[in-house]
Structures are given as C-alpha cells and as structure tokens.
N, C-alpha and C. Protein backbone atom coordinates (compact mmCIF):
# COMPACT_ATOMS: atom_id res chain seq x y z
N MET A 1 69.30 47.11 44.46
CA MET A 1 69.76 48.11 45.35
C MET A 1 69.44 49.55 44.71
N THR A 2 68.76 50.27 45.56
CA THR A 2 68.47 51.68 45.07
C THR A 2 69.46 52.64 45.55
N VAL A 3 70.20 53.32 44.60
CA VAL A 3 71.17 54.34 44.88
C VAL A 3 70.62 55.72 44.59
N ALA A 4 70.77 56.69 45.56
CA ALA A 4 70.29 58.03 45.40
C ALA A 4 71.52 58.94 45.57
N ILE A 5 71.44 59.98 44.80
CA ILE A 5 72.53 61.01 44.88
C ILE A 5 71.88 62.31 45.48
N TYR A 6 72.49 62.92 46.42
CA TYR A 6 72.10 64.18 46.86
C TYR A 6 73.21 65.23 46.56
N PRO A 7 73.01 65.91 45.47
CA PRO A 7 74.09 66.82 44.89
C PRO A 7 74.04 68.21 45.52
N GLY A 8 75.08 68.82 45.63
CA GLY A 8 75.07 70.21 46.06
C GLY A 8 76.50 70.74 46.20
N SER A 9 76.68 72.06 46.40
CA SER A 9 77.94 72.67 46.71
C SER A 9 78.46 72.42 48.11
N PHE A 10 77.46 72.35 49.08
CA PHE A 10 77.81 72.11 50.44
C PHE A 10 78.92 72.97 51.03
N ASP A 11 78.76 74.29 50.79
CA ASP A 11 79.79 75.17 51.19
C ASP A 11 79.46 76.02 52.40
N PRO A 12 79.37 75.48 53.65
CA PRO A 12 79.57 74.15 54.02
C PRO A 12 78.30 73.40 54.22
N ILE A 13 78.47 72.16 54.57
CA ILE A 13 77.29 71.29 54.88
C ILE A 13 76.72 71.80 56.17
N THR A 14 75.32 71.88 56.21
CA THR A 14 74.66 72.43 57.46
C THR A 14 73.82 71.29 57.99
N ASN A 15 73.25 71.48 59.21
CA ASN A 15 72.36 70.56 59.79
C ASN A 15 71.12 70.35 59.03
N GLY A 16 70.75 71.34 58.23
CA GLY A 16 69.58 71.16 57.29
C GLY A 16 69.92 70.12 56.16
N HIS A 17 71.18 70.26 55.65
CA HIS A 17 71.62 69.24 54.63
C HIS A 17 71.60 67.89 55.31
N LEU A 18 72.16 67.82 56.55
CA LEU A 18 72.34 66.46 57.21
C LEU A 18 70.96 66.01 57.55
N ASP A 19 69.98 66.73 57.82
CA ASP A 19 68.63 66.16 58.06
C ASP A 19 68.12 65.47 56.83
N ILE A 20 68.33 66.05 55.58
CA ILE A 20 67.91 65.55 54.42
C ILE A 20 68.70 64.26 54.09
N VAL A 21 70.02 64.21 54.40
CA VAL A 21 70.71 63.13 54.18
C VAL A 21 70.21 61.84 55.09
N ARG A 22 70.09 62.18 56.39
CA ARG A 22 69.57 61.07 57.30
C ARG A 22 68.25 60.56 56.91
N ARG A 23 67.34 61.46 56.42
CA ARG A 23 66.02 60.96 56.05
C ARG A 23 66.10 60.08 54.83
N ALA A 24 66.93 60.60 53.84
CA ALA A 24 67.14 59.79 52.65
C ALA A 24 67.74 58.45 52.89
N SER A 25 68.60 58.38 53.81
CA SER A 25 69.38 57.15 54.13
C SER A 25 68.38 56.09 54.75
N THR A 26 67.25 56.45 55.22
CA THR A 26 66.27 55.47 55.79
C THR A 26 65.43 54.84 54.64
N ILE A 27 65.45 55.55 53.39
CA ILE A 27 64.59 55.24 52.29
C ILE A 27 65.38 54.44 51.28
N PHE A 28 66.63 54.94 50.99
CA PHE A 28 67.38 54.25 49.93
C PHE A 28 68.52 53.46 50.41
N ASP A 29 68.91 52.44 49.72
CA ASP A 29 69.92 51.43 50.05
C ASP A 29 71.26 52.15 50.34
N LYS A 30 71.54 53.12 49.36
CA LYS A 30 72.81 53.86 49.45
C LYS A 30 72.53 55.39 49.07
N VAL A 31 73.07 56.21 49.75
CA VAL A 31 72.95 57.65 49.41
C VAL A 31 74.40 58.17 49.20
N VAL A 32 74.58 58.83 48.03
CA VAL A 32 75.86 59.50 47.75
C VAL A 32 75.68 61.03 47.83
N VAL A 33 76.40 61.55 48.73
CA VAL A 33 76.48 63.02 48.78
C VAL A 33 77.47 63.42 47.75
N GLY A 34 76.93 64.07 46.65
CA GLY A 34 77.78 64.59 45.64
C GLY A 34 78.18 65.97 45.78
N VAL A 35 79.45 66.31 46.06
CA VAL A 35 79.93 67.52 46.28
C VAL A 35 80.43 68.12 44.93
N TYR A 36 79.62 68.98 44.44
CA TYR A 36 79.95 69.60 43.08
C TYR A 36 81.22 70.44 43.21
N ASP A 37 82.09 70.16 42.33
CA ASP A 37 83.40 70.77 42.44
C ASP A 37 83.53 72.28 42.12
N ILE A 38 82.88 72.75 41.12
CA ILE A 38 83.03 74.20 40.69
C ILE A 38 81.63 74.71 40.44
N PRO A 39 80.81 74.98 41.32
CA PRO A 39 79.49 75.59 41.01
C PRO A 39 79.75 77.12 40.68
N GLN A 40 78.72 77.66 40.10
CA GLN A 40 78.83 79.16 39.63
C GLN A 40 78.51 80.04 40.78
N LYS A 41 79.18 79.98 41.80
CA LYS A 41 79.24 80.96 42.82
C LYS A 41 80.49 80.95 43.63
N SER A 42 80.72 81.92 44.31
CA SER A 42 81.98 82.01 45.05
C SER A 42 81.90 81.11 46.24
N LEU A 43 82.90 80.42 46.49
CA LEU A 43 83.11 79.38 47.56
C LEU A 43 84.10 79.84 48.61
N LEU A 44 83.77 79.46 49.80
CA LEU A 44 84.69 79.70 50.97
C LEU A 44 85.63 78.46 51.08
N PHE A 45 85.19 77.30 50.86
CA PHE A 45 86.02 76.05 51.04
C PHE A 45 86.27 75.43 49.73
N THR A 46 87.53 74.84 49.61
CA THR A 46 87.83 74.08 48.43
C THR A 46 86.95 72.77 48.41
N VAL A 47 87.04 72.20 47.26
CA VAL A 47 86.29 71.01 47.11
C VAL A 47 86.70 69.97 48.04
N ASN A 48 88.04 69.74 48.27
CA ASN A 48 88.56 68.84 49.21
C ASN A 48 88.18 69.08 50.59
N GLU A 49 88.10 70.31 50.93
CA GLU A 49 87.63 70.70 52.30
C GLU A 49 86.16 70.44 52.47
N ARG A 50 85.40 70.75 51.50
CA ARG A 50 83.95 70.48 51.61
C ARG A 50 83.64 68.96 51.61
N VAL A 51 84.41 68.15 50.95
CA VAL A 51 84.27 66.71 50.93
C VAL A 51 84.55 66.18 52.37
N GLU A 52 85.74 66.66 52.91
CA GLU A 52 86.13 66.28 54.27
C GLU A 52 85.23 66.59 55.30
N LEU A 53 84.67 67.84 55.23
CA LEU A 53 83.68 68.34 56.24
C LEU A 53 82.38 67.54 56.19
N ALA A 54 81.99 67.19 55.03
CA ALA A 54 80.71 66.40 54.75
C ALA A 54 81.08 64.94 55.22
N LYS A 55 82.16 64.35 54.92
CA LYS A 55 82.47 62.98 55.33
C LYS A 55 82.42 62.90 56.83
N LYS A 56 83.10 63.73 57.43
CA LYS A 56 83.00 63.70 59.00
C LYS A 56 81.63 63.90 59.59
N SER A 57 80.84 64.64 58.89
CA SER A 57 79.48 64.88 59.29
C SER A 57 78.60 63.65 59.15
N VAL A 58 78.90 62.73 58.26
CA VAL A 58 77.95 61.57 57.90
C VAL A 58 78.67 60.32 58.32
N GLU A 59 79.80 60.37 59.05
CA GLU A 59 80.55 59.11 59.34
C GLU A 59 79.72 58.07 60.11
N ASP A 60 78.72 58.48 60.82
CA ASP A 60 77.87 57.57 61.66
C ASP A 60 76.73 56.97 60.83
N ILE A 61 76.58 57.27 59.57
CA ILE A 61 75.51 56.83 58.71
C ILE A 61 76.18 55.73 57.84
N LYS A 62 75.90 54.53 58.07
CA LYS A 62 76.52 53.42 57.21
C LYS A 62 76.33 53.43 55.74
N ASN A 63 75.14 53.77 55.27
CA ASN A 63 74.87 53.71 53.80
C ASN A 63 75.07 55.01 53.07
N VAL A 64 75.84 55.94 53.64
CA VAL A 64 76.16 57.22 53.00
C VAL A 64 77.63 57.34 52.79
N GLU A 65 77.89 57.82 51.40
CA GLU A 65 79.16 58.09 50.92
C GLU A 65 79.26 59.44 50.41
N VAL A 66 80.47 60.13 50.50
CA VAL A 66 80.65 61.43 50.07
C VAL A 66 81.67 61.44 49.00
N VAL A 67 81.38 62.04 47.86
CA VAL A 67 82.41 62.16 46.79
C VAL A 67 82.26 63.49 46.07
N ALA A 68 83.33 63.91 45.48
CA ALA A 68 83.32 65.10 44.65
C ALA A 68 83.04 64.69 43.27
N TYR A 69 82.39 65.57 42.50
CA TYR A 69 82.20 65.33 41.14
C TYR A 69 82.15 66.68 40.32
N SER A 70 82.24 66.52 38.93
CA SER A 70 82.19 67.72 38.14
C SER A 70 81.32 67.24 37.00
N GLY A 71 80.95 68.21 36.14
CA GLY A 71 80.11 68.09 35.01
C GLY A 71 78.64 67.95 35.28
N ILE A 72 77.86 67.34 34.38
CA ILE A 72 76.46 67.31 34.59
C ILE A 72 76.03 66.38 35.66
N THR A 73 75.08 66.70 36.57
CA THR A 73 74.73 65.97 37.73
C THR A 73 74.16 64.57 37.29
N VAL A 74 73.20 64.56 36.26
CA VAL A 74 72.58 63.31 35.89
C VAL A 74 73.57 62.36 35.23
N GLU A 75 74.61 62.93 34.60
CA GLU A 75 75.67 62.07 33.98
C GLU A 75 76.47 61.38 35.09
N PHE A 76 76.69 62.15 36.12
CA PHE A 76 77.42 61.65 37.34
C PHE A 76 76.49 60.50 38.00
N ALA A 77 75.19 60.89 38.12
CA ALA A 77 74.26 59.93 38.78
C ALA A 77 74.32 58.57 37.92
N ARG A 78 74.35 58.59 36.60
CA ARG A 78 74.35 57.40 35.82
C ARG A 78 75.75 56.71 36.02
N LYS A 79 76.77 57.38 36.21
CA LYS A 79 78.15 56.89 36.31
C LYS A 79 78.16 56.00 37.65
N ILE A 80 77.53 56.40 38.73
CA ILE A 80 77.63 55.76 40.04
C ILE A 80 76.30 54.85 40.19
N GLY A 81 75.44 54.81 39.18
CA GLY A 81 74.32 53.78 39.24
C GLY A 81 73.14 54.40 40.00
N ALA A 82 72.97 55.68 40.25
CA ALA A 82 71.92 56.28 40.95
C ALA A 82 70.74 56.37 40.10
N LYS A 83 69.58 56.05 40.63
CA LYS A 83 68.31 56.17 39.93
C LYS A 83 67.49 57.22 40.42
N VAL A 84 67.94 57.97 41.54
CA VAL A 84 67.13 59.01 42.18
C VAL A 84 68.08 60.12 42.53
N LEU A 85 67.58 61.35 42.25
CA LEU A 85 68.22 62.58 42.68
C LEU A 85 67.44 63.08 43.93
N VAL A 86 68.11 63.34 45.08
CA VAL A 86 67.44 63.83 46.13
C VAL A 86 67.69 65.31 46.36
N ARG A 87 66.68 66.10 46.66
CA ARG A 87 66.84 67.50 46.82
C ARG A 87 66.03 68.02 48.04
N GLY A 88 66.43 68.93 48.69
CA GLY A 88 65.71 69.58 49.83
C GLY A 88 64.92 70.89 49.43
N LEU A 89 63.71 71.10 49.91
CA LEU A 89 62.99 72.32 49.64
C LEU A 89 62.80 73.04 50.85
N ARG A 90 63.11 74.26 50.91
CA ARG A 90 62.74 75.25 52.06
C ARG A 90 61.51 76.09 51.81
N ALA A 91 61.49 76.75 50.72
CA ALA A 91 60.52 77.75 50.48
C ALA A 91 60.05 77.84 48.99
N ASN A 92 59.24 78.66 48.64
CA ASN A 92 58.75 78.78 47.29
C ASN A 92 59.91 79.10 46.33
N SER A 93 60.92 79.87 46.70
CA SER A 93 62.03 80.22 45.76
C SER A 93 62.75 78.84 45.55
N ASP A 94 63.01 78.06 46.45
CA ASP A 94 63.71 76.73 46.27
C ASP A 94 62.84 75.89 45.28
N PHE A 95 61.46 75.90 45.48
CA PHE A 95 60.60 75.11 44.53
C PHE A 95 60.82 75.56 43.10
N GLU A 96 60.85 76.88 42.86
CA GLU A 96 60.92 77.30 41.49
C GLU A 96 62.27 76.88 40.90
N ARG A 97 63.31 77.02 41.60
CA ARG A 97 64.66 76.68 41.07
C ARG A 97 64.69 75.20 40.85
N GLU A 98 64.24 74.44 41.86
CA GLU A 98 64.30 72.99 41.74
C GLU A 98 63.33 72.44 40.53
N PHE A 99 62.37 73.01 40.39
CA PHE A 99 61.35 72.70 39.31
C PHE A 99 62.02 72.92 37.92
N GLU A 100 62.68 74.14 37.71
CA GLU A 100 63.40 74.19 36.47
C GLU A 100 64.54 73.12 36.25
N MET A 101 65.32 72.98 37.34
CA MET A 101 66.31 71.94 37.30
C MET A 101 65.81 70.54 36.99
N ALA A 102 64.65 70.19 37.68
CA ALA A 102 63.94 68.91 37.49
C ALA A 102 63.64 68.68 36.02
N LEU A 103 63.05 69.70 35.50
CA LEU A 103 62.59 69.56 33.97
C LEU A 103 63.83 69.36 33.13
N MET A 104 64.86 70.13 33.36
CA MET A 104 66.08 69.92 32.46
C MET A 104 66.67 68.53 32.74
N ASN A 105 66.78 68.13 34.00
CA ASN A 105 67.31 66.80 34.33
C ASN A 105 66.45 65.76 33.68
N LYS A 106 65.15 65.84 33.65
CA LYS A 106 64.23 64.80 33.09
C LYS A 106 64.52 64.73 31.59
N LYS A 107 64.73 65.87 30.94
CA LYS A 107 65.04 65.93 29.53
C LYS A 107 66.27 65.21 29.22
N LEU A 108 67.28 65.44 30.13
CA LEU A 108 68.60 64.97 29.89
C LEU A 108 68.78 63.38 30.23
N ALA A 109 67.89 63.00 31.26
CA ALA A 109 67.89 61.74 31.82
C ALA A 109 66.58 61.17 32.33
N PRO A 110 65.68 60.85 31.39
CA PRO A 110 64.31 60.50 31.83
C PRO A 110 64.22 59.27 32.64
N ASP A 111 65.25 58.57 32.79
CA ASP A 111 65.39 57.33 33.63
C ASP A 111 65.63 57.66 35.07
N ILE A 112 66.02 58.89 35.39
CA ILE A 112 66.45 59.25 36.80
C ILE A 112 65.25 60.05 37.31
N GLU A 113 64.90 59.65 38.58
CA GLU A 113 63.67 60.27 39.22
C GLU A 113 64.21 61.32 40.25
N LEU A 114 63.38 62.26 40.56
CA LEU A 114 63.63 63.24 41.53
C LEU A 114 62.82 63.08 42.72
N ILE A 115 63.41 63.13 43.88
CA ILE A 115 62.58 63.07 45.21
C ILE A 115 63.05 64.22 46.01
N CYS A 116 61.95 65.06 46.37
CA CYS A 116 62.26 66.26 47.16
C CYS A 116 61.74 66.02 48.59
N PHE A 117 62.61 66.40 49.51
CA PHE A 117 62.27 66.41 50.92
C PHE A 117 61.96 67.77 51.27
N MET A 118 60.88 67.94 52.06
CA MET A 118 60.60 69.30 52.68
C MET A 118 61.54 69.44 53.84
N ALA A 119 62.20 70.60 53.90
CA ALA A 119 63.08 70.91 55.03
C ALA A 119 62.31 70.82 56.34
N ASN A 120 63.04 70.45 57.31
CA ASN A 120 62.55 70.43 58.67
C ASN A 120 62.23 71.85 59.06
N LEU A 121 61.17 72.10 59.81
CA LEU A 121 60.80 73.51 60.16
C LEU A 121 61.94 74.31 60.75
N LYS A 122 62.76 73.64 61.59
CA LYS A 122 63.78 74.40 62.34
C LYS A 122 64.98 74.90 61.37
N TYR A 123 65.01 74.21 60.20
CA TYR A 123 66.00 74.62 59.17
C TYR A 123 65.45 75.34 57.97
N GLN A 124 64.18 75.73 57.98
CA GLN A 124 63.47 76.39 56.84
C GLN A 124 64.29 77.57 56.42
N PHE A 125 64.85 78.34 57.28
CA PHE A 125 65.53 79.62 57.05
C PHE A 125 67.10 79.49 56.72
N LEU A 126 67.64 78.31 56.91
CA LEU A 126 69.05 78.16 57.02
C LEU A 126 69.57 77.93 55.55
N SER A 127 70.61 78.75 55.21
CA SER A 127 71.27 78.57 54.01
C SER A 127 72.76 78.77 54.25
N SER A 128 73.62 78.11 53.51
CA SER A 128 75.16 78.27 53.71
C SER A 128 75.57 79.67 53.68
N SER A 129 74.98 80.54 52.73
CA SER A 129 75.48 81.84 52.54
C SER A 129 74.98 82.73 53.70
N LEU A 130 73.85 82.55 54.27
CA LEU A 130 73.35 83.25 55.48
C LEU A 130 74.18 82.90 56.59
N LEU A 131 74.45 81.69 56.63
CA LEU A 131 75.33 81.15 57.89
C LEU A 131 76.66 81.82 57.83
N LYS A 132 77.27 81.84 56.72
CA LYS A 132 78.57 82.47 56.55
C LYS A 132 78.53 83.95 56.92
N GLU A 133 77.50 84.62 56.50
CA GLU A 133 77.32 86.08 56.81
C GLU A 133 77.15 86.30 58.32
N ILE A 134 76.34 85.52 58.91
CA ILE A 134 76.08 85.64 60.39
C ILE A 134 77.48 85.36 61.25
N ILE A 135 78.08 84.39 60.80
CA ILE A 135 79.42 84.09 61.49
C ILE A 135 80.36 85.21 61.27
N LYS A 136 80.49 85.70 60.07
CA LYS A 136 81.39 86.79 59.88
C LYS A 136 81.03 88.04 60.69
N LEU A 137 79.85 88.29 60.95
CA LEU A 137 79.47 89.32 61.84
C LEU A 137 79.43 89.06 63.34
N GLY A 138 79.98 87.85 63.69
CA GLY A 138 80.06 87.47 65.14
C GLY A 138 78.90 86.84 65.67
N GLY A 139 77.98 86.39 64.89
CA GLY A 139 76.78 85.70 65.40
C GLY A 139 77.15 84.24 65.72
N ASN A 140 76.29 83.74 66.58
CA ASN A 140 76.41 82.25 66.98
C ASN A 140 75.63 81.37 66.18
N MET A 141 76.15 80.44 65.49
CA MET A 141 75.37 79.43 64.69
C MET A 141 75.75 78.04 65.04
N ASP A 142 76.29 77.84 66.28
CA ASP A 142 76.78 76.57 66.70
C ASP A 142 75.74 75.46 66.52
N ASP A 143 74.35 75.73 66.62
CA ASP A 143 73.35 74.68 66.51
C ASP A 143 72.84 74.45 65.02
N MET A 144 73.49 75.16 64.09
CA MET A 144 73.09 75.08 62.78
C MET A 144 74.06 74.19 61.90
N VAL A 145 75.25 73.86 62.42
CA VAL A 145 76.20 73.06 61.79
C VAL A 145 76.82 72.20 62.84
N PRO A 146 77.44 71.01 62.32
CA PRO A 146 78.14 70.17 63.29
C PRO A 146 79.30 70.98 63.90
N PRO A 147 79.78 70.58 65.00
CA PRO A 147 80.90 71.38 65.74
C PRO A 147 82.16 71.58 64.88
N HIS A 148 82.54 70.44 64.11
CA HIS A 148 83.78 70.54 63.34
C HIS A 148 83.62 71.55 62.14
N VAL A 149 82.40 71.65 61.68
CA VAL A 149 82.11 72.68 60.67
C VAL A 149 82.09 74.06 61.08
N CYS A 150 81.42 74.26 62.32
CA CYS A 150 81.46 75.57 63.03
C CYS A 150 82.93 75.99 63.11
N ALA A 151 83.84 75.16 63.69
CA ALA A 151 85.14 75.43 63.92
C ALA A 151 85.89 75.83 62.54
N ALA A 152 85.59 75.13 61.52
CA ALA A 152 86.18 75.44 60.18
C ALA A 152 85.70 76.80 59.70
N LEU A 153 84.51 77.00 59.87
CA LEU A 153 83.98 78.38 59.52
C LEU A 153 84.62 79.44 60.24
N LYS A 154 84.60 79.36 61.44
CA LYS A 154 85.29 80.40 62.36
C LYS A 154 86.75 80.61 61.91
N LYS A 155 87.39 79.49 61.69
CA LYS A 155 88.86 79.60 61.24
C LYS A 155 88.96 80.41 59.96
N LYS A 156 88.09 80.14 59.01
CA LYS A 156 88.20 80.77 57.73
C LYS A 156 87.69 82.15 57.75
N LEU A 157 86.67 82.50 58.63
CA LEU A 157 86.05 83.77 58.50
C LEU A 157 86.48 84.67 59.59
N LEU A 158 86.92 84.27 60.76
CA LEU A 158 87.23 85.19 61.77
C LEU A 158 88.73 85.24 62.19
N TYR A 159 89.55 84.26 61.80
CA TYR A 159 90.92 84.25 62.25
C TYR A 159 91.92 84.66 61.04
C-alpha cells in the first residue's frame, strides 16, 4: 500500500488544495492531509479548526485522512509510513520554494519521494492569504472554498 502525505498549514483549506487531494487520492492507496500545527506565519484558524475544516472538506473521499502534526515533515511521513510527499505548484515562485524544500527533504529522507501536481488553471492565482484579504475587504470568494470554509472565514473576518 502506497501512503502519500500532503502537508501544509491549510489556513484555510481551499478548492485548489482539494483539487490536489482528489487527484492524489486517485493515484495513491492512502493520502494523509497533514495539517502543520505551528508554521512560521500568522494564522487565522487554530490547528484544531484547520483540521476540522479539512476533515469536513474531504469526508466524501474514502482513502483520505486528515491529521495535525508538528516537527519535521519527513519525520512525520516516516512515522505514518508515507513514501511520498505531495505538493501543488501554481507558479514559478512556488517551484523555487518547493525545489529548495525538496532538496532539503531528500537530504533528510532519501527514501521519501516528492510528487508535484500542477495546479488546475482555475486555481493558479488562489492562495489562502489572498483569499483572507479579499473576504476581509468584502469580496465574494464562495466558489474558491467549500461552503463551510467560506462561512468560517466570514465568521472570523467579518463578524
């Protein structure tokens, strides 16, 4: 059985993230969405909130599990038996950052492979930070996140 981990902060999970999860779930036996608990950026949602939003978003995909983790991603991957790291790429800037991380991860864990999915064209511009900014300014991003995520964003940012 091939287990893959799709790690990220998912603050919050977007339809772009979900597109990557769905595509990965058709290739790997099990996909673990790893919600990193304390990334080096300011967060809107707690780790428990991010996990719950992600769980509800993937509840219809049988071979996907959502868990929080801390520490080094490849160490967590080993702990859960993952042989593959899944990442999504939107643009050149993503590639440069992912390339740096891939080299470091390969140094730390030569036995774990990286598979990058090109973002769907309709999500090329989408990022969690941009999404939060647009909602804060009163913009409509309903089609960029699942309805329950949109409601949670509006509750945190507008009320």
